[in-house]
Amino acid sequence: MPAITVKRVPDELHRLLKERADEHGRSLNSEIIACLKAALEPQVVDPEALLVRARALRQGLPARLTDRALRRLKDRGRP
């Protein structure tokens, strides 16, 4: 199996990777591989689950989405 070396990893990134590895119970190397796989491998999308989620989100919207309603939804929770 090939090996790679990553040089000049910023301190903050190294710290975050170590924290994440600890949270997942993995070595730093295993965590880096998991992060790379998650970033590079295609994600399988379940169309049915996506439609269920879209329908659930749509239920919270007004029947007709106007500019005014969209502006109000965007501003919700903003100071």
Protein backbone atom coordinates (compact mmCIF):
# COMPACT_ATOMS: atom_id res chain seq x y z
CA MET A 1 0.00 0.00 0.00
CA PRO A 2 1.43 3.41 -0.91
CA ALA A 3 2.44 5.90 1.74
CA ILE A 4 2.39 9.68 1.51
CA THR A 5 3.90 12.44 3.58
CA VAL A 6 2.09 15.72 4.12
CA LYS A 7 4.38 18.61 4.90
CA ARG A 8 3.72 21.90 6.66
CA VAL A 9 0.35 20.97 8.19
CA PRO A 10 -0.92 24.06 10.03
CA ASP A 11 -0.93 23.65 13.82
CA GLU A 12 -4.67 24.31 14.07
CA LEU A 13 -5.49 21.69 11.43
CA HIS A 14 -3.27 19.16 13.17
CA ARG A 15 -5.01 19.88 16.48
CA LEU A 16 -8.46 19.48 14.90
CA LEU A 17 -7.48 16.21 13.27
CA LYS A 18 -6.14 14.85 16.56
CA GLU A 19 -9.33 15.88 18.40
CA ARG A 20 -11.47 14.28 15.74
CA ALA A 21 -9.40 11.09 15.83
CA ASP A 22 -9.87 10.90 19.60
CA GLU A 23 -13.62 11.44 19.24
CA HIS A 24 -13.84 8.58 16.73
CA GLY A 25 -11.43 6.31 18.60
CA ARG A 26 -9.00 6.21 15.68
CA SER A 27 -5.34 6.88 15.17
CA LEU A 28 -4.38 10.15 13.54
CA ASN A 29 -3.45 8.26 10.36
CA SER A 30 -6.79 6.43 10.28
CA GLU A 31 -8.66 9.68 10.81
CA ILE A 32 -6.81 11.37 7.94
CA ILE A 33 -7.67 8.43 5.66
CA ALA A 34 -11.34 8.60 6.76
CA CYS A 35 -11.43 12.35 6.04
CA LEU A 36 -9.87 11.86 2.61
CA LYS A 37 -12.30 9.06 1.75
CA ALA A 38 -15.29 11.15 2.84
CA ALA A 39 -14.08 14.07 0.73
CA LEU A 40 -13.18 12.11 -2.39
CA GLU A 41 -15.51 9.13 -2.67
CA PRO A 42 -18.83 9.69 -4.38
CA GLN A 43 -21.77 9.92 -1.99
CA VAL A 44 -24.64 7.53 -2.69
CA VAL A 45 -27.93 9.39 -2.63
CA ASP A 46 -31.14 7.57 -1.76
CA PRO A 47 -33.71 9.31 -3.99
CA GLU A 48 -36.66 8.22 -1.82
CA ALA A 49 -35.05 9.59 1.35
CA LEU A 50 -34.23 12.83 -0.48
CA LEU A 51 -37.85 13.20 -1.61
CA VAL A 52 -39.15 12.52 1.90
CA ARG A 53 -36.87 15.22 3.29
CA ALA A 54 -37.83 17.69 0.56
CA ARG A 55 -41.52 17.10 1.20
CA ALA A 56 -41.04 17.60 4.94
CA LEU A 57 -39.19 20.87 4.32
CA ARG A 58 -41.85 22.01 1.87
CA GLN A 59 -44.60 21.56 4.49
CA GLY A 60 -43.06 24.38 6.52
CA LEU A 61 -43.33 26.80 3.60
CA PRO A 62 -46.30 28.89 2.58
CA ALA A 63 -48.45 27.38 -0.19
CA ARG A 64 -47.15 29.98 -2.62
CA LEU A 65 -43.61 31.19 -2.17
CA THR A 66 -43.57 34.91 -2.90
CA ASP A 67 -40.61 37.28 -2.73
CA ARG A 68 -42.06 38.72 0.46
CA ALA A 69 -42.43 35.29 2.08
CA LEU A 70 -38.93 34.30 0.96
CA ARG A 71 -37.47 37.51 2.44
CA ARG A 72 -39.30 36.86 5.72
CA LEU A 73 -37.99 33.27 5.86
CA LYS A 74 -34.43 34.45 5.15
CA ASP A 75 -34.63 37.06 7.89
CA ARG A 76 -36.10 34.69 10.47
CA GLY A 77 -33.74 34.47 13.41
CA ARG A 78 -31.45 37.22 12.19
CA PRO A 79 -30.80 40.21 14.43
